Amino acid sequence: MTPRPPAPARPTPTKRPSFAGSAPLRALAGHARPCGGERCGGKGSLVQNMHAWLKSQAFDKALDVPQQQLSGRTAELQLLLSVVGSPLIPMPVPADTAFSRSVRESSIQASTAKYILHQYIAAMGGQAVLMSVQSMYAVGKVRMNASEFHMGNDSSAAAPPATTRNGAGEIGGFVLWQKTPELWYFELIMAGCKMSAGCNGKVAWRQSTSEKSNASRGPPRPLRRSLQGLDPRSTANLFADAVCIGEKAINGEECFILKLEANAQVLKSRSSASFDIIRHTVWGYFSQRTGLLMQLEDSHLLRMKAGRGRPGAIIGAGPAAQLSGNSIGNNDASIFWETSMESVIEDYRYIDGINIAHSGRTAVTLFRYGEGSVNHKRRMEEIWSIEEADFNLKGLTMDYFLPPADLKIDND
């Protein structure tokens, strides 16, 4: 990875909660994030600071295992990190359109959606507070789990190695830095597997301990995780062009449903010679009582092309394409992958006047079907919590979001 400039030190945090049964988080001795004030000015790089925190956790004990000892289980863990841990939102987020458009300028469904967003903005702290946010930082923990493949009616079909120990799941940790929706850096470690991703405003990328860095296809987009209750300003702007399609109860809370479709131009830019993105839809469920975002869903449909598969060409397409990169063949003309993600967002608490979700859970379903294919389905789950977050960090420059030096950009 490209060397990163020194990050200023920060005061030692007073408290970092941890999951029951896991090792408590240890202070970083002044190396966690850029900050202002007289106590800043320590040594070390951004990545070193992140890694120092992650290395102190029990879930990183196997990080130094030699490459030749990586097992099939490790490959499954890498899949979890990519599919569940770091997906992107399907389209770019417009710049502050939710804060400037009139409720009366659109159709009834679109006007209703804008009214719902106005209530959401108020519930998250208000327009003035959200517009004042220039950057953010979050540290969190995750627990991930995955089922085996269920292929057709053949229960004896081969399944990948288990990704969990006795069904308990794997515990991991992450750090997220963000300056704008298209300017972010993310690192996630779980059970010895490490994955990092980022966007410099021009290209989004991802790399892991077992794969070289690759650029995501399509325009630069935000990390989905940031819209799971961490970045209300971007969430409001994402749904600025949505329409209200009805109501639904989420965990006993009556919610309005806002729907948004990725346009044809974005879908085409994310497609390649190996696959076509048919559709990508997002739904947001906003409480009628509180205005808060209670659930975020998206559904993604991909069609493989015959005999054109190359694993390196599908990194930016989505979870299904990544999963099937090594199985594309001459009989894939009618093979479809459908990916559905559902995130329940909970535990809203204020930080500096901004209402932030501190926990939630995400379920992902991968479904392969088509002519001449044995249908199979797989489910992955994540429970996440935010341990620490802050806004308007000083010293967070463009240099912190540089892509890796060996970044591969596919232009097919």
Protein backbone atom coordinates (compact mmCIF):
# COMPACT_ATOMS: atom_id res chain seq x y z
CA MET A 1 0.00 0.00 0.00
CA THR A 2 1.18 3.54 -0.66
CA PRO A 3 2.93 5.01 2.40
CA ARG A 4 0.70 7.48 4.18
CA PRO A 5 1.75 10.70 5.93
CA PRO A 6 2.13 10.96 9.71
CA ALA A 7 -1.14 11.27 11.61
CA PRO A 8 -1.34 13.56 14.63
CA ALA A 9 -1.78 11.92 18.01
CA ARG A 10 -4.90 12.14 20.11
CA PRO A 11 -5.77 11.83 23.81
CA THR A 12 -6.24 8.28 25.08
CA PRO A 13 -9.97 7.39 24.98
CA THR A 14 -11.56 6.92 28.37
CA LYS A 15 -13.66 3.89 27.44
CA ARG A 16 -14.00 1.36 24.63
CA PRO A 17 -16.74 -1.26 25.18
CA SER A 18 -16.25 -4.79 23.86
CA PHE A 19 -18.33 -7.87 23.14
CA ALA A 20 -18.85 -10.20 26.06
CA GLY A 21 -16.17 -12.84 26.14
CA SER A 22 -13.73 -10.95 23.93
CA ALA A 23 -10.59 -9.13 24.96
CA PRO A 24 -11.19 -5.51 26.02
CA LEU A 25 -10.01 -2.78 23.68
CA ARG A 26 -6.69 -1.33 24.70
CA ALA A 27 -5.84 2.34 24.43
CA LEU A 28 -3.59 3.35 21.56
CA ALA A 29 -1.28 5.59 23.60
CA GLY A 30 -2.21 8.62 21.59
CA HIS A 31 -2.46 7.03 18.12
CA ALA A 32 -6.03 6.71 16.92
CA ARG A 33 -7.10 9.58 14.71
CA PRO A 34 -6.16 13.08 13.55
CA CYS A 35 -7.23 15.82 15.94
CA GLY A 36 -6.57 19.42 16.82
CA GLY A 37 -5.29 21.08 19.95
CA GLU A 38 -2.10 21.14 21.94
CA ARG A 39 -1.98 17.37 22.53
CA CYS A 40 -1.65 16.55 18.83
CA GLY A 41 1.62 15.99 17.03
CA GLY A 42 2.57 12.34 17.57
CA LYS A 43 4.30 10.02 15.10
CA GLY A 44 3.06 7.16 12.96
CA SER A 45 0.90 6.85 9.88
CA LEU A 46 -2.86 6.53 9.53
CA VAL A 47 -2.63 2.88 8.56
CA GLN A 48 -0.20 2.17 11.40
CA ASN A 49 -2.59 3.81 13.86
CA MET A 50 -5.52 1.74 12.61
CA HIS A 51 -3.45 -1.42 12.57
CA ALA A 52 -2.21 -0.79 16.11
CA TRP A 53 -5.79 -0.79 17.37
CA LEU A 54 -6.77 -3.82 15.31
CA LYS A 55 -3.63 -5.73 16.33
CA SER A 56 -4.60 -5.32 20.00
CA GLN A 57 -7.75 -7.37 19.48
CA ALA A 58 -8.23 -11.11 19.83
CA PHE A 59 -9.67 -11.33 16.33
CA ASP A 60 -6.28 -10.41 14.82
CA LYS A 61 -4.17 -13.16 16.38
CA ALA A 62 -3.76 -15.05 13.09
CA LEU A 63 -2.84 -12.08 10.93
CA ASP A 64 0.80 -13.14 10.58
CA VAL A 65 0.07 -16.69 9.38
CA PRO A 66 2.15 -17.47 6.23
CA GLN A 67 0.29 -17.25 2.93
CA GLN A 68 0.88 -20.93 2.15
CA GLN A 69 -1.05 -21.90 5.29
CA LEU A 70 -4.20 -20.07 4.30
CA SER A 71 -7.05 -22.58 4.17
CA GLY A 72 -10.39 -22.85 2.43
CA ARG A 73 -11.92 -21.46 5.60
CA THR A 74 -9.77 -18.36 5.21
CA ALA A 75 -11.05 -17.90 1.67
CA GLU A 76 -14.57 -18.06 3.05
CA LEU A 77 -13.70 -15.43 5.62
CA GLN A 78 -12.35 -13.18 2.87
CA LEU A 79 -15.65 -13.62 1.05
CA LEU A 80 -17.52 -12.54 4.19
CA LEU A 81 -15.34 -9.45 4.53
CA SER A 82 -16.06 -8.39 0.95
CA VAL A 83 -19.71 -9.37 0.60
CA VAL A 84 -20.98 -8.37 4.04
CA GLY A 85 -18.24 -6.12 5.31
CA SER A 86 -17.61 -3.61 2.53
CA PRO A 87 -20.30 -3.35 -0.18
CA LEU A 88 -20.91 -0.01 -1.88
CA ILE A 89 -24.13 1.93 -2.37
CA PRO A 90 -25.38 1.29 -5.95
CA MET A 91 -25.20 4.89 -7.17
CA PRO A 92 -23.33 8.13 -6.40
CA VAL A 93 -24.86 10.40 -3.77
CA PRO A 94 -25.93 13.84 -5.11
CA ALA A 95 -24.52 16.88 -3.34
CA ASP A 96 -26.97 18.20 -0.73
CA THR A 97 -30.04 18.06 -2.98
CA ALA A 98 -32.16 16.90 -0.03
CA PHE A 99 -31.52 20.23 1.70
CA SER A 100 -32.47 22.52 -1.20
CA ARG A 101 -35.43 21.05 -3.09
CA SER A 102 -38.98 22.16 -2.40
CA VAL A 103 -41.57 19.60 -1.38
CA ARG A 104 -43.95 21.03 -3.99
CA GLU A 105 -41.72 20.64 -7.04
CA SER A 106 -42.50 16.98 -7.81
CA SER A 107 -45.21 14.34 -8.15
CA ILE A 108 -47.27 13.27 -5.14
CA GLN A 109 -45.04 10.24 -4.45
CA ALA A 110 -41.83 12.26 -4.81
CA SER A 111 -43.21 15.15 -2.75
CA THR A 112 -44.24 12.72 -0.03
CA ALA A 113 -40.70 11.29 -0.05
CA LYS A 114 -39.21 14.77 0.35
CA TYR A 115 -41.53 15.50 3.28
CA ILE A 116 -40.40 12.24 4.91
CA LEU A 117 -36.76 13.24 4.38
CA HIS A 118 -37.43 16.62 6.01
CA GLN A 119 -38.70 14.75 9.08
CA TYR A 120 -35.64 12.50 8.96
CA ILE A 121 -33.25 15.47 8.79
CA ALA A 122 -34.95 17.03 11.81
CA ALA A 123 -34.76 13.74 13.74
CA MET A 124 -31.03 13.39 13.01
CA GLY A 125 -30.15 16.79 14.43
CA GLY A 126 -31.43 19.35 11.94
CA GLN A 127 -30.20 20.84 8.69
CA ALA A 128 -27.74 23.30 10.22
CA VAL A 129 -25.97 20.63 12.27
CA LEU A 130 -25.80 18.09 9.44
CA MET A 131 -24.53 20.69 6.97
CA SER A 132 -21.72 21.57 9.38
CA VAL A 133 -20.21 18.06 9.21
CA GLN A 134 -17.04 18.01 7.13
CA SER A 135 -15.57 14.67 8.17
CA MET A 136 -16.16 11.70 10.46
CA TYR A 137 -14.45 8.77 12.14
CA ALA A 138 -15.90 5.52 13.53
CA VAL A 139 -14.55 2.41 15.23
CA GLY A 140 -16.74 -0.66 15.53
CA LYS A 141 -17.00 -4.39 16.06
CA VAL A 142 -18.77 -7.04 14.01
CA ARG A 143 -19.83 -10.64 14.42
CA MET A 144 -20.32 -12.49 11.13
CA ASN A 145 -21.85 -15.84 10.27
CA ALA A 146 -22.63 -17.72 7.06
CA SER A 147 -24.66 -20.74 6.06
CA GLU A 148 -23.44 -23.38 3.66
CA PHE A 149 -24.65 -23.45 0.07
CA HIS A 150 -28.05 -25.04 -0.52
CA MET A 151 -27.97 -26.44 -4.06
CA GLY A 152 -31.24 -27.54 -5.59
CA ASN A 153 -32.67 -30.71 -4.02
CA ASP A 154 -29.32 -32.47 -3.72
CA SER A 155 -28.37 -32.39 -0.05
CA SER A 156 -25.12 -34.21 -0.82
CA ALA A 157 -23.81 -31.40 -2.99
CA ALA A 158 -20.38 -30.16 -1.99
CA ALA A 159 -20.38 -27.17 0.31
CA PRO A 160 -17.55 -24.75 1.16
CA PRO A 161 -15.72 -25.03 4.47
CA ALA A 162 -17.55 -23.65 7.48
CA THR A 163 -16.78 -20.03 8.33
CA THR A 164 -17.73 -20.29 11.99
CA ARG A 165 -16.74 -22.23 15.03
CA ASN A 166 -19.68 -24.23 16.35
CA GLY A 167 -22.05 -21.76 14.73
CA ALA A 168 -20.96 -18.93 17.04
CA GLY A 169 -19.65 -16.71 14.27
CA GLU A 170 -16.41 -14.77 13.94
CA ILE A 171 -15.68 -11.49 15.72
CA GLY A 172 -13.91 -8.67 13.92
CA GLY A 173 -13.24 -4.96 14.10
CA PHE A 174 -13.22 -2.04 11.70
CA VAL A 175 -12.15 1.57 11.38
CA LEU A 176 -13.83 4.04 9.00
CA TRP A 177 -12.63 7.52 8.02
CA GLN A 178 -14.76 9.72 5.77
CA LYS A 179 -14.47 13.28 4.53
CA THR A 180 -17.22 13.26 1.89
CA PRO A 181 -19.45 10.42 0.61
CA GLU A 182 -16.83 9.74 -2.12
CA LEU A 183 -13.75 10.30 0.05
CA TRP A 184 -13.31 7.51 2.58
CA TYR A 185 -11.00 4.78 3.88
CA PHE A 186 -12.09 1.57 5.60
CA GLU A 187 -10.21 -1.31 7.21
CA LEU A 188 -11.71 -4.53 8.57
CA ILE A 189 -9.96 -7.48 10.24
CA MET A 190 -11.58 -10.73 11.31
CA ALA A 191 -10.03 -14.03 12.41
CA GLY A 192 -6.69 -13.24 10.81
CA CYS A 193 -8.13 -11.99 7.51
CA LYS A 194 -7.63 -8.36 6.63
CA MET A 195 -9.48 -6.26 4.05
CA SER A 196 -9.13 -2.58 3.25
CA ALA A 197 -11.10 -0.39 0.88
CA GLY A 198 -11.30 3.27 0.02
CA CYS A 199 -12.21 5.97 -2.44
CA ASN A 200 -10.27 9.11 -3.38
CA GLY A 201 -13.21 10.81 -5.10
CA LYS A 202 -12.25 9.41 -8.51
CA VAL A 203 -11.98 5.66 -8.04
CA ALA A 204 -13.09 3.20 -5.36
CA TRP A 205 -10.85 0.22 -4.60
CA ARG A 206 -10.50 -2.83 -2.41
CA GLN A 207 -7.65 -5.13 -1.41
CA SER A 208 -7.15 -8.03 1.01
CA THR A 209 -4.48 -10.29 2.41
CA SER A 210 -5.11 -12.84 -0.35
CA GLU A 211 -5.85 -10.55 -3.33
CA LYS A 212 -4.15 -7.62 -5.01
CA SER A 213 -5.88 -4.27 -5.04
CA ASN A 214 -8.58 -3.77 -7.66
CA ALA A 215 -10.68 -0.78 -8.64
CA SER A 216 -14.45 -0.99 -8.41
CA ARG A 217 -16.34 -0.52 -11.63
CA GLY A 218 -18.59 2.49 -12.16
CA PRO A 219 -18.54 5.96 -10.62
CA PRO A 220 -17.12 6.56 -7.11
CA ARG A 221 -19.72 5.63 -4.52
CA PRO A 222 -20.06 5.65 -0.73
CA LEU A 223 -19.51 2.67 1.49
CA ARG A 224 -22.88 1.13 2.35
CA ARG A 225 -21.86 0.86 5.99
CA SER A 226 -21.69 4.65 6.34
CA LEU A 227 -25.38 4.87 5.37
CA GLN A 228 -26.38 2.37 8.05
CA GLY A 229 -27.00 5.17 10.53
CA LEU A 230 -23.53 6.78 10.54
CA ASP A 231 -23.89 9.47 7.86
CA PRO A 232 -27.39 11.04 7.94
CA ARG A 233 -26.42 13.82 5.55
CA SER A 234 -25.49 11.35 2.80
CA THR A 235 -28.51 9.19 3.61
CA ALA A 236 -30.85 12.15 3.08
CA ASN A 237 -29.11 13.05 -0.19
CA LEU A 238 -29.22 9.44 -1.42
CA PHE A 239 -33.01 9.35 -1.10
CA ALA A 240 -33.53 12.87 -2.50
CA ASP A 241 -34.77 11.38 -5.79
CA ALA A 242 -36.74 8.52 -4.19
CA VAL A 243 -40.50 8.00 -4.25
CA CYS A 244 -42.75 6.83 -1.43
CA ILE A 245 -44.32 3.48 -2.33
CA GLY A 246 -46.23 2.60 0.84
CA GLU A 247 -45.95 1.63 4.48
CA LYS A 248 -44.66 -1.34 6.46
CA ALA A 249 -44.12 -2.24 10.12
CA ILE A 250 -40.48 -2.84 11.09
CA ASN A 251 -40.06 -4.38 14.55
CA GLY A 252 -43.45 -3.01 15.55
CA GLU A 253 -42.67 0.48 14.23
CA GLU A 254 -44.89 1.78 11.40
CA CYS A 255 -42.63 3.05 8.62
CA PHE A 256 -42.86 4.84 5.29
CA ILE A 257 -41.05 3.08 2.43
CA LEU A 258 -38.86 5.12 0.07
CA LYS A 259 -37.64 3.44 -3.12
CA LEU A 260 -34.74 4.38 -5.38
CA GLU A 261 -33.51 2.73 -8.61
CA ALA A 262 -30.01 2.97 -10.07
CA ASN A 263 -30.35 4.52 -13.53
CA ALA A 264 -29.34 2.84 -16.78
CA GLN A 265 -26.15 4.89 -17.14
CA VAL A 266 -24.85 3.81 -13.72
CA LEU A 267 -25.78 0.17 -14.38
CA LYS A 268 -23.96 0.22 -17.71
CA SER A 269 -20.83 1.75 -16.16
CA ARG A 270 -20.75 -1.07 -13.59
CA SER A 271 -21.18 -3.80 -16.22
CA SER A 272 -18.39 -5.36 -18.29
CA ALA A 273 -17.65 -7.92 -20.98
CA SER A 274 -18.16 -10.64 -18.34
CA PHE A 275 -21.53 -9.61 -16.91
CA ASP A 276 -24.44 -7.19 -17.09
CA ILE A 277 -25.98 -5.44 -14.10
CA ILE A 278 -29.73 -5.74 -14.77
CA ARG A 279 -31.00 -3.69 -11.84
CA HIS A 280 -30.05 -2.38 -8.41
CA THR A 281 -32.80 -1.06 -6.14
CA VAL A 282 -32.62 0.55 -2.69
CA TRP A 283 -35.41 0.85 -0.10
CA GLY A 284 -35.37 2.94 3.05
CA TYR A 285 -37.86 2.41 5.89
CA PHE A 286 -38.43 5.62 7.91
CA SER A 287 -40.38 5.62 11.16
CA GLN A 288 -43.67 7.52 11.03
CA ARG A 289 -43.33 8.28 14.74
CA THR A 290 -39.69 9.36 15.09
CA GLY A 291 -38.55 10.02 11.52
CA LEU A 292 -35.50 7.74 11.99
CA LEU A 293 -34.23 5.29 9.36
CA MET A 294 -35.18 1.89 10.79
CA GLN A 295 -34.12 -0.40 7.93
CA LEU A 296 -32.07 -0.19 4.72
CA GLU A 297 -32.50 -2.74 1.94
CA ASP A 298 -31.08 -3.21 -1.52
CA SER A 299 -31.42 -5.86 -4.22
CA HIS A 300 -28.99 -6.44 -7.05
CA LEU A 301 -29.46 -8.64 -10.15
CA LEU A 302 -26.52 -9.68 -12.33
CA ARG A 303 -26.44 -11.78 -15.52
CA MET A 304 -23.28 -13.64 -16.45
CA LYS A 305 -22.06 -13.66 -20.07
CA ALA A 306 -20.96 -16.85 -21.81
CA GLY A 307 -17.25 -17.62 -21.85
CA ARG A 308 -16.08 -14.13 -20.88
CA GLY A 309 -15.39 -14.57 -17.19
CA ARG A 310 -12.27 -13.16 -15.59
CA PRO A 311 -12.14 -12.86 -11.82
CA GLY A 312 -10.17 -9.63 -11.94
CA ALA A 313 -12.82 -7.96 -14.08
CA ILE A 314 -15.67 -8.32 -11.64
CA ILE A 315 -14.36 -6.85 -8.43
CA GLY A 316 -16.55 -3.78 -8.62
CA ALA A 317 -19.72 -5.52 -9.72
CA GLY A 318 -21.02 -6.74 -6.41
CA PRO A 319 -21.04 -9.80 -4.13
CA ALA A 320 -22.52 -12.20 -6.68
CA ALA A 321 -19.92 -11.42 -9.31
CA GLN A 322 -17.09 -11.84 -6.82
CA LEU A 323 -18.48 -15.16 -5.64
CA SER A 324 -18.84 -16.54 -9.17
CA GLY A 325 -15.63 -15.16 -10.64
CA ASN A 326 -13.96 -18.58 -10.72
CA SER A 327 -17.01 -20.44 -12.05
CA ILE A 328 -17.90 -18.57 -15.22
CA GLY A 329 -17.87 -20.84 -18.22
CA ASN A 330 -19.30 -21.42 -21.66
CA ASN A 331 -22.68 -22.44 -20.26
CA ASP A 332 -23.29 -19.25 -18.32
CA ALA A 333 -25.36 -17.36 -20.91
CA SER A 334 -28.52 -17.67 -18.82
CA ILE A 335 -27.05 -17.67 -15.32
CA PHE A 336 -28.29 -14.98 -12.92
CA TRP A 337 -27.07 -13.96 -9.48
CA GLU A 338 -29.42 -12.06 -7.19
CA THR A 339 -28.05 -10.42 -4.05
CA SER A 340 -30.37 -9.07 -1.36
CA MET A 341 -29.18 -7.11 1.69
CA GLU A 342 -31.34 -6.10 4.64
CA SER A 343 -29.96 -3.96 7.48
CA VAL A 344 -31.93 -3.27 10.66
CA ILE A 345 -30.60 -0.07 12.27
CA GLU A 346 -30.89 0.46 16.03
CA ASP A 347 -29.67 2.25 19.16
CA TYR A 348 -29.66 5.87 18.03
CA ARG A 349 -27.66 8.19 20.29
CA TYR A 350 -26.47 11.77 19.91
CA ILE A 351 -22.83 12.69 19.33
CA ASP A 352 -22.13 16.43 19.03
CA GLY A 353 -25.81 17.03 18.27
CA ILE A 354 -26.01 14.35 15.54
CA ASN A 355 -28.22 11.30 16.06
CA ILE A 356 -26.12 8.24 15.17
CA ALA A 357 -27.08 4.54 15.12
CA HIS A 358 -24.78 2.56 17.39
CA SER A 359 -25.79 -0.99 16.51
CA GLY A 360 -27.67 -3.12 14.02
CA ARG A 361 -27.65 -6.31 12.01
CA THR A 362 -27.38 -7.09 8.30
CA ALA A 363 -28.56 -10.21 6.46
CA VAL A 364 -27.35 -11.03 2.93
CA THR A 365 -28.89 -13.64 0.65
CA LEU A 366 -27.09 -14.83 -2.51
CA PHE A 367 -29.25 -16.72 -4.99
CA ARG A 368 -28.00 -18.28 -8.24
CA TYR A 369 -30.45 -19.54 -10.83
CA GLY A 370 -30.95 -19.91 -14.56
CA GLU A 371 -31.31 -22.31 -17.46
CA GLY A 372 -28.89 -25.23 -17.23
CA SER A 373 -27.78 -24.23 -13.74
CA VAL A 374 -28.33 -25.94 -10.41
CA ASN A 375 -30.04 -23.29 -8.31
CA HIS A 376 -28.38 -22.58 -5.02
CA LYS A 377 -28.74 -20.09 -2.21
CA ARG A 378 -26.60 -18.90 0.64
CA ARG A 379 -27.23 -16.61 3.60
CA MET A 380 -24.70 -14.45 5.45
CA GLU A 381 -25.30 -12.35 8.55
CA GLU A 382 -23.55 -9.63 10.50
CA ILE A 383 -24.20 -8.02 13.89
CA TRP A 384 -22.37 -4.73 14.32
CA SER A 385 -21.84 -2.08 16.96
CA ILE A 386 -20.14 1.31 17.03
CA GLU A 387 -17.61 1.67 19.83
CA GLU A 388 -16.51 5.24 19.13
CA ALA A 389 -17.35 7.99 16.62
CA ASP A 390 -16.52 11.65 16.13
CA PHE A 391 -17.01 14.44 13.60
CA ASN A 392 -15.10 17.34 12.02
CA LEU A 393 -11.60 15.99 12.49
CA LYS A 394 -8.66 18.32 11.98
CA GLY A 395 -5.72 17.26 9.84
CA LEU A 396 -7.63 14.77 7.67
CA THR A 397 -6.17 15.62 4.24
CA MET A 398 -6.47 14.06 0.79
CA ASP A 399 -3.27 12.11 1.42
CA TYR A 400 -5.13 9.83 3.81
CA PHE A 401 -7.34 8.56 0.97
CA LEU A 402 -4.68 7.68 -1.60
CA PRO A 403 -5.25 4.34 -3.39
CA PRO A 404 -2.62 1.57 -3.26
CA ALA A 405 0.39 1.99 -5.55
CA ASP A 406 -0.37 -1.32 -7.27
CA LEU A 407 -4.03 -0.53 -7.96
CA LYS A 408 -5.33 -2.37 -11.02
CA ILE A 409 -8.03 -0.64 -13.05
CA ASP A 410 -9.95 -2.83 -15.51
CA ASN A 411 -11.11 -0.98 -18.63
CA ASP A 412 -12.74 -3.77 -20.63
